[in-house]
Amino acid sequence: MIRTSRTSRTRRGRGRARTALGSRLRGTAPLALPVGWGAVAVAWKFGCPLARQPGLPMRIATSIVFLTVGTGLVLGVRRQLRRELARVRAVAEATQQVLLRPPPARLDGLALAAGQLSATRDATVGGDLYEAVATPYRVRIVIGDVRGHGLAALGAVVAVLGSFREAAHDEAELGGVLRRLERALQRHLRERARDEHPARGRGAPEHPVAEEFVTLLLLEVRPDGRLAVLDCGHPAPYRLGPRTERLPVGEPLPPLGVLPLPAALVPYTGARLLPGETLVLHTDGAEEARDHRGRFFGLEAALARAAGGSPEGVVRQVRDELLRHTGGRLDDDVALLVVRNDRVRVPAQPAEPGLRRPRPAPSTHC
């Protein structure tokens, strides 16, 4: 049994080695022709007596040969780099689909759409996060912004999103979900600080990585359109209806990672999303984006112009106006999550004709 297991492991190891060797050989295949051609040119130059003869025609011929070889090498390297870039982009797109997966078009009577722009050039993911899930405790939505942007913030995004996708289904109260997110972020920051500075002891001061924080908006949509909101230093969303306005979210809590959460977490429940109304959740990169003159982007005005459209249309119009305003140069990541209440308001049903309320008995008092 042990000998068979060792044999199988040896075979698997040899198979992986052959696969890796084959991948390296395929990667160098575009360079085989120009390298071989170059070897022939060098052998012709130094080994052939005819190539060493003086004269302008022979010099021209030699220069043409070496120029052709150099061009072939450059084209081969360029082709290999383009293939490698295509593979990296494919991996990045797959990562985005898993990390910031598009929300479902419909979720328990709600229509949704989302969009994201990264401030890092050629990056498809950044420091913003969002998710919407239908749970036994109603639809729950999160949007957040990790301090900083780009690839360095991905670890915190993974920690918070992964925790939300589990806690949203497990926790009956919205405050319980938020506490799970706080613990996940703290654990991630401790592990990252330990990995970056393993020499620090337990009693040593924390590394500055522990000062990272996440602004967060946690929201729950109830069947009657009433909202429960916990805001951890995040910009309040906009509600698009008869007019475009900020949604009240109550007293904000500190961002996750700055201060411990208070003992009592009471969601704000004084706002509603009526049938036909749209809620636009966003990160602060949308409101703080500037043009070349330093003027801020008018997000509220852009949303007012987009009001009445589908969630996909709102995301598309705001994204296009944002890119035109900034000239395509963003200083911070931007995320948008649009939710429209498509639930039908059920009017009060009249009593059936055959059923009548009993009349009160006549009074016997004088």
Protein backbone atom coordinates (compact mmCIF):
# COMPACT_ATOMS: atom_id res chain seq x y z
CA MET A 1 0.00 0.00 0.00
CA ILE A 2 2.74 2.45 0.99
CA ARG A 3 4.89 1.46 -1.98
CA THR A 4 1.95 1.96 -4.36
CA SER A 5 1.23 5.37 -2.88
CA ARG A 6 4.83 6.44 -3.23
CA THR A 7 4.90 5.20 -6.83
CA SER A 8 1.76 7.13 -7.70
CA ARG A 9 3.17 10.31 -6.11
CA THR A 10 6.40 9.86 -8.07
CA ARG A 11 4.46 9.46 -11.30
CA ARG A 12 2.36 12.53 -10.58
CA GLY A 13 5.52 14.52 -9.84
CA ARG A 14 7.11 13.43 -13.10
CA GLY A 15 3.92 14.29 -14.97
CA ARG A 16 3.86 17.80 -13.49
CA ALA A 17 7.53 18.25 -14.37
CA ARG A 18 6.89 17.20 -17.98
CA THR A 19 3.90 19.55 -18.14
CA ALA A 20 5.99 22.47 -16.83
CA LEU A 21 8.77 21.68 -19.29
CA GLY A 22 6.27 21.54 -22.14
CA SER A 23 4.85 24.92 -21.11
CA ARG A 24 8.33 26.47 -21.10
CA LEU A 25 9.09 25.02 -24.52
CA ARG A 26 5.79 26.32 -25.93
CA GLY A 27 6.59 29.74 -24.46
CA THR A 28 9.92 29.88 -26.27
CA ALA A 29 8.53 28.54 -29.57
CA PRO A 30 8.03 32.02 -31.14
CA LEU A 31 11.76 32.71 -30.63
CA ALA A 32 12.98 29.47 -32.24
CA LEU A 33 12.96 30.71 -35.85
CA PRO A 34 14.72 34.07 -35.31
CA VAL A 35 17.28 32.50 -32.95
CA GLY A 36 18.06 29.77 -35.47
CA TRP A 37 18.26 32.35 -38.22
CA GLY A 38 20.61 34.43 -36.09
CA ALA A 39 22.85 31.41 -35.45
CA VAL A 40 23.08 30.80 -39.20
CA ALA A 41 23.88 34.48 -39.80
CA VAL A 42 26.66 34.48 -37.20
CA ALA A 43 28.11 31.25 -38.60
CA TRP A 44 27.97 32.72 -42.12
CA LYS A 45 29.66 35.94 -40.96
CA PHE A 46 32.56 34.34 -39.10
CA GLY A 47 32.85 30.97 -40.81
CA CYS A 48 32.35 31.77 -44.48
CA PRO A 49 35.39 33.29 -46.29
CA LEU A 50 33.06 35.02 -48.74
CA ALA A 51 31.42 37.03 -45.92
CA ARG A 52 34.82 38.44 -44.84
CA GLN A 53 35.65 39.90 -48.23
CA PRO A 54 35.86 43.71 -48.31
CA GLY A 55 33.51 45.73 -50.42
CA LEU A 56 30.32 47.72 -50.11
CA PRO A 57 27.94 45.07 -51.55
CA MET A 58 29.07 42.48 -49.01
CA ARG A 59 28.69 44.95 -46.14
CA ILE A 60 25.17 45.80 -47.29
CA ALA A 61 24.27 42.12 -47.51
CA THR A 62 25.66 41.46 -44.02
CA SER A 63 23.75 44.45 -42.59
CA ILE A 64 20.51 43.24 -44.20
CA VAL A 65 20.98 39.77 -42.73
CA PHE A 66 21.58 41.05 -39.19
CA LEU A 67 18.78 43.62 -39.46
CA THR A 68 16.39 40.87 -40.49
CA VAL A 69 17.51 38.70 -37.59
CA GLY A 70 17.07 41.56 -35.12
CA THR A 71 13.61 42.35 -36.47
CA GLY A 72 12.63 38.71 -36.13
CA LEU A 73 13.82 38.60 -32.53
CA VAL A 74 11.88 41.76 -31.64
CA LEU A 75 8.70 40.48 -33.29
CA GLY A 76 9.05 37.13 -31.55
CA VAL A 77 9.48 38.72 -28.14
CA ARG A 78 6.58 41.07 -28.83
CA ARG A 79 4.34 38.18 -29.80
CA GLN A 80 5.26 36.27 -26.66
CA LEU A 81 4.59 39.31 -24.46
CA ARG A 82 1.19 39.85 -26.08
CA ARG A 83 0.25 36.24 -25.39
CA GLU A 84 1.37 36.59 -21.78
CA LEU A 85 -0.62 39.81 -21.41
CA ALA A 86 -3.71 38.11 -22.83
CA ARG A 87 -3.36 35.31 -20.27
CA VAL A 88 -2.95 37.80 -17.42
CA ARG A 89 -6.03 39.71 -18.52
CA ALA A 90 -8.03 36.48 -18.73
CA VAL A 91 -6.99 35.62 -15.16
CA ALA A 92 -7.92 39.15 -14.00
CA GLU A 93 -11.36 38.91 -15.61
CA ALA A 94 -11.95 35.52 -14.01
CA THR A 95 -10.88 36.96 -10.65
CA GLN A 96 -13.31 39.83 -11.03
CA GLN A 97 -16.16 37.46 -11.84
CA VAL A 98 -15.49 35.60 -8.58
CA LEU A 99 -14.59 38.56 -6.39
CA LEU A 100 -16.95 41.26 -7.68
CA ARG A 101 -19.44 39.06 -9.47
CA PRO A 102 -22.28 40.89 -11.22
CA PRO A 103 -25.46 40.89 -9.14
CA PRO A 104 -28.45 38.97 -10.47
CA ALA A 105 -30.73 41.00 -12.71
CA ARG A 106 -33.66 40.25 -10.41
CA LEU A 107 -33.63 39.37 -6.73
CA ASP A 108 -36.86 38.81 -4.78
CA GLY A 109 -38.81 41.42 -6.72
CA LEU A 110 -35.90 43.85 -7.00
CA ALA A 111 -34.08 44.78 -10.22
CA LEU A 112 -30.31 45.26 -9.82
CA ALA A 113 -27.28 46.40 -11.79
CA ALA A 114 -23.72 47.28 -10.81
CA GLY A 115 -20.61 48.84 -12.32
CA GLN A 116 -17.02 49.36 -11.19
CA LEU A 117 -14.09 51.46 -12.39
CA SER A 118 -10.56 51.02 -11.07
CA ALA A 119 -8.15 53.93 -10.66
CA THR A 120 -5.24 51.57 -11.38
CA ARG A 121 -4.44 51.42 -15.08
CA ASP A 122 -5.29 48.07 -16.74
CA ALA A 123 -6.77 46.75 -13.49
CA THR A 124 -10.32 45.37 -13.42
CA VAL A 125 -10.66 45.22 -9.64
CA GLY A 126 -9.73 47.67 -6.92
CA GLY A 127 -10.54 48.64 -3.36
CA ASP A 128 -14.34 48.85 -3.71
CA LEU A 129 -16.74 46.04 -2.90
CA TYR A 130 -20.45 45.32 -3.28
CA GLU A 131 -22.80 42.37 -3.04
CA ALA A 132 -26.54 41.66 -2.87
CA VAL A 133 -28.02 38.36 -1.69
CA ALA A 134 -31.48 37.00 -0.96
CA THR A 135 -31.52 35.36 2.46
CA PRO A 136 -34.16 33.85 4.76
CA TYR A 137 -34.03 37.20 6.58
CA ARG A 138 -34.86 39.35 3.49
CA VAL A 139 -32.60 40.85 0.81
CA ARG A 140 -29.32 42.13 2.17
CA ILE A 141 -26.91 44.48 0.41
CA VAL A 142 -23.41 45.70 1.21
CA ILE A 143 -21.20 48.29 -0.43
CA GLY A 144 -17.83 49.38 0.89
CA ASP A 145 -14.59 51.17 0.16
CA VAL A 146 -11.22 50.00 1.45
CA ARG A 147 -8.75 52.74 2.34
CA GLY A 148 -6.50 53.19 -0.68
CA HIS A 149 -7.16 51.67 -4.07
CA GLY A 150 -5.84 49.18 -6.57
CA LEU A 151 -4.32 45.77 -6.02
CA ALA A 152 -3.00 46.48 -2.51
CA ALA A 153 -6.58 46.66 -1.17
CA LEU A 154 -7.71 43.32 -2.60
CA GLY A 155 -6.92 41.39 0.59
CA ALA A 156 -9.36 43.44 2.66
CA VAL A 157 -11.98 43.22 -0.11
CA VAL A 158 -11.70 39.42 -0.12
CA ALA A 159 -11.95 39.24 3.68
CA VAL A 160 -15.03 41.48 3.96
CA LEU A 161 -16.90 40.04 0.97
CA GLY A 162 -16.22 36.46 1.97
CA SER A 163 -17.50 37.12 5.47
CA PHE A 164 -20.62 38.90 4.21
CA ARG A 165 -21.58 36.06 1.88
CA GLU A 166 -21.60 33.70 4.85
CA ALA A 167 -22.92 35.97 7.60
CA ALA A 168 -25.82 37.35 5.54
CA HIS A 169 -27.37 33.87 5.51
CA ASP A 170 -26.42 32.91 9.08
CA GLU A 171 -27.21 35.98 11.17
CA ALA A 172 -30.83 36.80 11.97
CA GLU A 173 -30.04 40.43 12.89
CA LEU A 174 -28.31 42.97 10.70
CA GLY A 175 -26.07 43.96 13.61
CA GLY A 176 -24.79 40.39 13.81
CA VAL A 177 -23.75 40.57 10.16
CA LEU A 178 -21.80 43.77 10.80
CA ARG A 179 -19.96 42.25 13.77
CA ARG A 180 -18.92 39.30 11.62
CA LEU A 181 -17.51 41.70 9.02
CA GLU A 182 -15.57 43.57 11.70
CA ARG A 183 -14.01 40.35 13.02
CA ALA A 184 -13.06 39.21 9.52
CA LEU A 185 -11.33 42.53 8.77
CA GLN A 186 -9.45 42.53 12.08
CA ARG A 187 -8.26 38.98 11.48
CA HIS A 188 -7.06 39.89 7.98
CA LEU A 189 -5.15 42.95 9.23
CA ARG A 190 -3.46 40.98 12.01
CA GLU A 191 -2.38 38.24 9.62
CA ARG A 192 -1.11 40.74 7.06
CA ALA A 193 0.88 42.66 9.67
CA ARG A 194 2.41 39.42 10.95
CA ASP A 195 3.33 38.28 7.44
CA GLU A 196 4.93 41.60 6.51
CA HIS A 197 6.83 41.94 9.80
CA PRO A 198 7.33 38.45 11.29
CA ALA A 199 10.10 39.68 13.62
CA ARG A 200 7.69 41.75 15.71
CA GLY A 201 6.68 40.14 18.96
CA ARG A 202 3.28 40.08 20.53
CA GLY A 203 4.07 43.06 22.70
CA ALA A 204 5.46 45.14 19.85
CA PRO A 205 3.40 48.02 18.47
CA GLU A 206 1.18 47.34 15.53
CA HIS A 207 2.43 47.96 12.04
CA PRO A 208 0.75 50.83 10.11
CA VAL A 209 -1.10 48.24 8.04
CA ALA A 210 -3.34 47.79 11.08
CA GLU A 211 -4.54 51.39 10.54
CA GLU A 212 -6.31 50.41 7.34
CA PHE A 213 -10.08 50.72 7.50
CA VAL A 214 -13.20 50.13 5.43
CA THR A 215 -16.17 52.45 5.06
CA LEU A 216 -19.28 50.32 4.75
CA LEU A 217 -23.02 50.57 4.16
CA LEU A 218 -25.08 47.54 5.18
CA LEU A 219 -28.70 47.55 4.07
CA GLU A 220 -31.71 45.27 4.31
CA VAL A 221 -34.84 45.56 2.12
CA ARG A 222 -37.97 44.27 3.80
CA PRO A 223 -41.07 43.00 1.94
CA ASP A 224 -43.01 46.25 2.47
CA GLY A 225 -40.11 48.34 1.13
CA ARG A 226 -38.96 49.46 4.56
CA LEU A 227 -35.18 49.67 4.83
CA ALA A 228 -32.88 48.78 7.70
CA VAL A 229 -29.52 50.55 7.41
CA LEU A 230 -26.21 50.42 9.26
CA ASP A 231 -23.76 53.06 8.02
CA CYS A 232 -20.07 52.83 8.93
CA GLY A 233 -18.75 56.14 7.63
CA HIS A 234 -19.94 55.49 4.07
CA PRO A 235 -21.66 58.03 1.77
CA ALA A 236 -25.43 57.84 2.00
CA PRO A 237 -27.18 56.48 -1.12
CA TYR A 238 -29.51 58.41 -3.40
CA ARG A 239 -33.19 57.61 -3.89
CA LEU A 240 -34.62 58.27 -7.35
CA GLY A 241 -38.38 58.76 -7.44
CA PRO A 242 -40.54 61.84 -7.89
CA ARG A 243 -37.34 63.68 -6.98
CA THR A 244 -33.67 62.79 -6.50
CA GLU A 245 -32.66 62.98 -2.85
CA ARG A 246 -30.27 61.61 -0.28
CA LEU A 247 -31.62 58.67 1.67
CA PRO A 248 -31.54 59.20 5.45
CA VAL A 249 -29.37 56.54 7.12
CA GLY A 250 -29.37 57.63 10.75
CA GLU A 251 -26.37 58.30 12.95
CA PRO A 252 -23.23 56.93 11.26
CA LEU A 253 -20.93 54.46 12.97
CA PRO A 254 -17.11 54.65 12.68
CA PRO A 255 -15.52 52.86 9.71
CA LEU A 256 -14.55 49.27 10.32
CA GLY A 257 -11.00 49.07 11.63
CA VAL A 258 -10.88 52.57 13.18
CA LEU A 259 -12.72 52.01 16.48
CA PRO A 260 -14.54 49.01 17.96
CA LEU A 261 -18.24 48.86 17.21
CA PRO A 262 -20.56 49.94 20.02
CA ALA A 263 -22.22 47.33 22.21
CA ALA A 264 -25.68 48.01 20.77
CA LEU A 265 -26.17 48.06 17.00
CA VAL A 266 -29.63 49.37 16.17
CA PRO A 267 -30.31 49.75 12.41
CA TYR A 268 -32.01 52.87 11.16
CA THR A 269 -35.50 51.94 9.89
CA GLY A 270 -37.01 55.34 9.08
CA ALA A 271 -36.62 55.11 5.26
CA ARG A 272 -38.56 53.25 2.60
CA LEU A 273 -38.07 52.23 -1.01
CA LEU A 274 -41.56 52.31 -2.52
CA PRO A 275 -42.52 50.34 -5.65
CA GLY A 276 -41.06 52.05 -8.72
CA GLU A 277 -38.38 53.92 -6.77
CA THR A 278 -34.65 53.34 -7.33
CA LEU A 279 -31.82 53.30 -4.83
CA VAL A 280 -28.27 54.15 -5.97
CA LEU A 281 -25.45 53.04 -3.68
CA HIS A 282 -22.00 54.37 -4.52
CA THR A 283 -18.48 54.83 -3.19
CA ASP A 284 -16.95 58.23 -2.55
CA GLY A 285 -14.83 58.02 -5.72
CA ALA A 286 -17.93 58.96 -7.71
CA GLU A 287 -18.46 62.26 -5.87
CA GLU A 288 -14.80 63.15 -5.45
CA ALA A 289 -13.81 62.66 -9.10
CA ARG A 290 -12.47 65.89 -10.65
CA ASP A 291 -11.85 67.20 -14.11
CA HIS A 292 -8.65 68.90 -15.31
CA ARG A 293 -9.80 72.18 -13.71
CA GLY A 294 -10.33 70.57 -10.31
CA ARG A 295 -14.14 70.67 -10.43
CA PHE A 296 -15.99 67.82 -8.70
CA PHE A 297 -18.29 65.51 -10.60
CA GLY A 298 -21.98 66.34 -10.13
CA LEU A 299 -23.27 62.92 -9.16
CA GLU A 300 -26.68 64.10 -7.98
CA ALA A 301 -27.30 65.98 -11.23
CA ALA A 302 -26.20 62.96 -13.27
CA LEU A 303 -28.58 60.73 -11.31
CA ALA A 304 -31.42 63.19 -11.83
CA ARG A 305 -30.84 62.99 -15.59
CA ALA A 306 -30.74 59.20 -15.43
CA ALA A 307 -33.86 58.87 -13.26
CA GLY A 308 -36.63 56.81 -14.82
CA GLY A 309 -34.29 54.48 -16.66
CA SER A 310 -33.51 50.86 -15.93
CA PRO A 311 -30.82 50.01 -13.38
CA GLU A 312 -28.47 49.07 -16.25
CA GLY A 313 -29.23 52.38 -17.94
CA VAL A 314 -28.51 54.36 -14.76
CA VAL A 315 -25.14 52.62 -14.32
CA ARG A 316 -24.21 53.14 -17.97
CA GLN A 317 -25.18 56.83 -18.08
CA VAL A 318 -23.42 57.73 -14.83
CA ARG A 319 -20.28 55.82 -15.88
CA ASP A 320 -20.19 57.56 -19.28
CA GLU A 321 -20.65 61.01 -17.76
CA LEU A 322 -18.01 60.27 -15.13
CA LEU A 323 -15.45 59.23 -17.74
CA ARG A 324 -16.20 62.31 -19.85
CA HIS A 325 -15.84 64.56 -16.81
CA THR A 326 -12.47 63.11 -15.77
CA GLY A 327 -11.14 62.41 -19.25
CA GLY A 328 -10.78 58.75 -18.26
CA ARG A 329 -8.28 59.54 -15.48
CA LEU A 330 -9.61 58.54 -12.06
CA ASP A 331 -7.90 59.26 -8.75
CA ASP A 332 -9.95 56.70 -6.81
CA ASP A 333 -11.93 53.55 -7.50
CA VAL A 334 -15.64 53.95 -8.24
CA ALA A 335 -18.42 51.45 -7.62
CA LEU A 336 -22.15 51.79 -8.30
CA LEU A 337 -24.95 49.46 -7.22
CA VAL A 338 -28.46 50.33 -8.42
CA VAL A 339 -31.57 48.70 -6.90
CA ARG A 340 -35.12 49.32 -8.18
CA ASN A 341 -38.19 48.14 -6.28
CA ASP A 342 -40.30 46.27 -8.83
CA ARG A 343 -42.57 44.75 -6.24
CA VAL A 344 -46.26 45.39 -6.85
CA ARG A 345 -48.18 47.25 -4.21
CA VAL A 346 -51.24 45.12 -3.35
CA PRO A 347 -54.29 47.32 -2.65
CA ALA A 348 -56.73 46.53 0.11
CA GLN A 349 -59.21 43.90 -1.09
CA PRO A 350 -62.95 44.61 -0.67
CA ALA A 351 -65.13 42.04 1.06
CA GLU A 352 -66.77 39.41 -1.17
CA PRO A 353 -70.41 40.13 -2.17
CA GLY A 354 -71.79 37.07 -0.40
CA LEU A 355 -70.09 37.94 2.85
CA ARG A 356 -71.56 40.73 4.92
CA ARG A 357 -70.53 42.01 8.24
CA PRO A 358 -73.06 41.21 10.95
CA ARG A 359 -75.04 44.22 12.04
CA PRO A 360 -74.77 45.16 15.66
CA ALA A 361 -77.73 44.23 17.79
CA PRO A 362 -80.16 47.06 18.46
CA SER A 363 -79.64 48.81 21.72
CA THR A 364 -82.16 48.09 24.47
CA HIS A 365 -81.31 51.18 26.42
CA CYS A 366 -83.79 54.03 26.51
